[in-house]
Amino acid sequence: MIKLPASEAKLHFGALIDKVQREPITIERQGRPVAVVLSYDSYLEQEKNGMSDSDRRKALEFLDRWGKRPVVEDVEEKMQGDVKAQAIWGKYVQGT
């Protein structure tokens, strides 16, 4: 993925729009990523294949309970019998 400082994105916005038709671009401010720009078609594809808002909310709640980067073995052991947690964890693992 191309990385571009915010100042460059602002100065060359037309070229940025052309480039995102080929691949997403990360916009950085002071060396930190602050945004990703992607084509409208890519956005629609991600929305079509992505999680629902409800699933996303459940996944975030689940991750809040376990911390940002839980140890896989610990999580799988603690999820025994919790079908919803297993489904959310499966989506989390597949998304990484």
C-alpha atoms as a PDB file:
ATOM      1  CA  MET A   1       0.000   0.000   0.000  1.00  0.00           C
ATOM      2  CA  ILE A   2       1.291   3.448  -0.865  1.00  0.00           C
ATOM      3  CA  LYS A   3       1.930   5.838   2.045  1.00  0.00           C
ATOM      4  CA  LEU A   4       1.572   9.557   1.469  1.00  0.00           C
ATOM      5  CA  PRO A   5       1.997  12.546   3.803  1.00  0.00           C
ATOM      6  CA  ALA A   6      -1.202  14.560   4.295  1.00  0.00           C
ATOM      7  CA  SER A   7       0.474  17.663   2.849  1.00  0.00           C
ATOM      8  CA  GLU A   8       1.264  15.790  -0.386  1.00  0.00           C
ATOM      9  CA  ALA A   9      -2.260  14.375  -0.570  1.00  0.00           C
ATOM     10  CA  LYS A  10      -3.627  17.907  -0.272  1.00  0.00           C
ATOM     11  CA  LEU A  11      -1.294  19.321  -2.916  1.00  0.00           C
ATOM     12  CA  HIS A  12      -1.860  16.483  -5.402  1.00  0.00           C
ATOM     13  CA  PHE A  13      -5.450  15.506  -4.688  1.00  0.00           C
ATOM     14  CA  GLY A  14      -6.277  14.868  -8.365  1.00  0.00           C
ATOM     15  CA  ALA A  15      -3.370  12.452  -8.728  1.00  0.00           C
ATOM     16  CA  LEU A  16      -4.381  10.805  -5.436  1.00  0.00           C
ATOM     17  CA  ILE A  17      -7.877  10.144  -6.811  1.00  0.00           C
ATOM     18  CA  ASP A  18      -6.343   8.543  -9.902  1.00  0.00           C
ATOM     19  CA  LYS A  19      -3.955   6.364  -7.860  1.00  0.00           C
ATOM     20  CA  VAL A  20      -6.639   4.977  -5.554  1.00  0.00           C
ATOM     21  CA  GLN A  21      -8.343   3.440  -8.575  1.00  0.00           C
ATOM     22  CA  ARG A  22      -5.431   0.964  -8.615  1.00  0.00           C
ATOM     23  CA  GLU A  23      -4.747   0.501  -4.891  1.00  0.00           C
ATOM     24  CA  PRO A  24      -5.615   2.050  -1.509  1.00  0.00           C
ATOM     25  CA  ILE A  25      -3.374   4.811  -0.167  1.00  0.00           C
ATOM     26  CA  THR A  26      -2.509   5.440   3.478  1.00  0.00           C
ATOM     27  CA  ILE A  27      -2.429   9.110   4.440  1.00  0.00           C
ATOM     28  CA  GLU A  28       0.045   9.967   7.186  1.00  0.00           C
ATOM     29  CA  ARG A  29       0.335  12.973   9.448  1.00  0.00           C
ATOM     30  CA  GLN A  30       3.706  13.424  11.172  1.00  0.00           C
ATOM     31  CA  GLY A  31       4.665   9.892  10.135  1.00  0.00           C
ATOM     32  CA  ARG A  32       1.554   8.254  11.666  1.00  0.00           C
ATOM     33  CA  PRO A  33      -1.231   6.728   9.575  1.00  0.00           C
ATOM     34  CA  VAL A  34      -4.448   8.745   9.970  1.00  0.00           C
ATOM     35  CA  ALA A  35      -6.603   7.668   7.026  1.00  0.00           C
ATOM     36  CA  VAL A  36      -6.914   5.259   4.136  1.00  0.00           C
ATOM     37  CA  VAL A  37      -8.290   6.387   0.790  1.00  0.00           C
ATOM     38  CA  LEU A  38      -9.702   3.763  -1.530  1.00  0.00           C
ATOM     39  CA  SER A  39     -11.798   3.693  -4.671  1.00  0.00           C
ATOM     40  CA  TYR A  40     -15.577   3.677  -4.405  1.00  0.00           C
ATOM     41  CA  ASP A  41     -15.695   0.229  -6.030  1.00  0.00           C
ATOM     42  CA  SER A  42     -13.254  -1.124  -3.424  1.00  0.00           C
ATOM     43  CA  TYR A  43     -15.345   0.406  -0.666  1.00  0.00           C
ATOM     44  CA  LEU A  44     -18.527  -1.225  -1.988  1.00  0.00           C
ATOM     45  CA  GLU A  45     -16.758  -4.580  -2.249  1.00  0.00           C
ATOM     46  CA  GLN A  46     -15.536  -4.351   1.339  1.00  0.00           C
ATOM     47  CA  GLU A  47     -18.980  -3.371   2.577  1.00  0.00           C
ATOM     48  CA  LYS A  48     -20.544  -6.282   0.723  1.00  0.00           C
ATOM     49  CA  ASN A  49     -18.049  -8.800   2.141  1.00  0.00           C
ATOM     50  CA  GLY A  50     -17.558  -7.194   5.544  1.00  0.00           C
ATOM     51  CA  MET A  51     -19.145  -7.782   8.901  1.00  0.00           C
ATOM     52  CA  SER A  52     -22.475  -6.242   9.795  1.00  0.00           C
ATOM     53  CA  ASP A  53     -22.520  -3.384  12.303  1.00  0.00           C
ATOM     54  CA  SER A  54     -23.950  -5.759  14.877  1.00  0.00           C
ATOM     55  CA  ASP A  55     -21.136  -8.281  14.325  1.00  0.00           C
ATOM     56  CA  ARG A  56     -18.545  -5.511  14.422  1.00  0.00           C
ATOM     57  CA  ARG A  57     -19.947  -4.226  17.731  1.00  0.00           C
ATOM     58  CA  LYS A  58     -19.948  -7.755  19.203  1.00  0.00           C
ATOM     59  CA  ALA A  59     -16.365  -8.295  18.069  1.00  0.00           C
ATOM     60  CA  LEU A  60     -15.250  -5.041  19.685  1.00  0.00           C
ATOM     61  CA  GLU A  61     -17.020  -5.930  22.926  1.00  0.00           C
ATOM     62  CA  PHE A  62     -15.370  -9.342  22.860  1.00  0.00           C
ATOM     63  CA  LEU A  63     -11.934  -7.851  22.255  1.00  0.00           C
ATOM     64  CA  ASP A  64     -12.447  -5.327  25.054  1.00  0.00           C
ATOM     65  CA  ARG A  65     -13.031  -8.223  27.441  1.00  0.00           C
ATOM     66  CA  TRP A  66      -9.858 -10.001  26.341  1.00  0.00           C
ATOM     67  CA  GLY A  67      -7.556  -7.044  25.652  1.00  0.00           C
ATOM     68  CA  LYS A  68      -6.120  -5.914  22.348  1.00  0.00           C
ATOM     69  CA  ARG A  69      -4.072  -8.985  21.441  1.00  0.00           C
ATOM     70  CA  PRO A  70      -5.173 -12.039  23.398  1.00  0.00           C
ATOM     71  CA  VAL A  71      -3.105 -15.197  23.387  1.00  0.00           C
ATOM     72  CA  VAL A  72      -4.856 -17.580  20.996  1.00  0.00           C
ATOM     73  CA  GLU A  73      -4.562 -20.660  23.215  1.00  0.00           C
ATOM     74  CA  ASP A  74      -5.957 -18.813  26.266  1.00  0.00           C
ATOM     75  CA  VAL A  75      -8.917 -17.480  24.316  1.00  0.00           C
ATOM     76  CA  GLU A  76      -9.790 -20.798  22.736  1.00  0.00           C
ATOM     77  CA  GLU A  77      -9.655 -22.519  26.131  1.00  0.00           C
ATOM     78  CA  LYS A  78     -11.888 -19.897  27.778  1.00  0.00           C
ATOM     79  CA  MET A  79     -14.416 -19.982  24.911  1.00  0.00           C
ATOM     80  CA  GLN A  80     -15.315 -23.656  25.322  1.00  0.00           C
ATOM     81  CA  GLY A  81     -19.092 -23.925  24.907  1.00  0.00           C
ATOM     82  CA  ASP A  82     -19.608 -20.236  24.026  1.00  0.00           C
ATOM     83  CA  VAL A  83     -20.790 -20.466  20.413  1.00  0.00           C
ATOM     84  CA  LYS A  84     -21.190 -16.706  19.944  1.00  0.00           C
ATOM     85  CA  ALA A  85     -17.715 -15.988  21.279  1.00  0.00           C
ATOM     86  CA  GLN A  86     -16.271 -18.685  19.008  1.00  0.00           C
ATOM     87  CA  ALA A  87     -17.991 -17.145  15.960  1.00  0.00           C
ATOM     88  CA  ILE A  88     -16.743 -13.664  16.808  1.00  0.00           C
ATOM     89  CA  TRP A  89     -13.238 -14.976  17.506  1.00  0.00           C
ATOM     90  CA  GLY A  90     -13.300 -16.804  14.151  1.00  0.00           C
ATOM     91  CA  LYS A  91     -14.070 -13.553  12.357  1.00  0.00           C
ATOM     92  CA  TYR A  92     -11.346 -11.767  14.335  1.00  0.00           C
ATOM     93  CA  VAL A  93      -8.729 -14.380  13.505  1.00  0.00           C
ATOM     94  CA  GLN A  94      -9.705 -14.463   9.827  1.00  0.00           C
ATOM     95  CA  GLY A  95      -9.496 -10.664   9.644  1.00  0.00           C
ATOM     96  CA  THR A  96      -5.893 -10.531  10.855  1.00  0.00           C
END
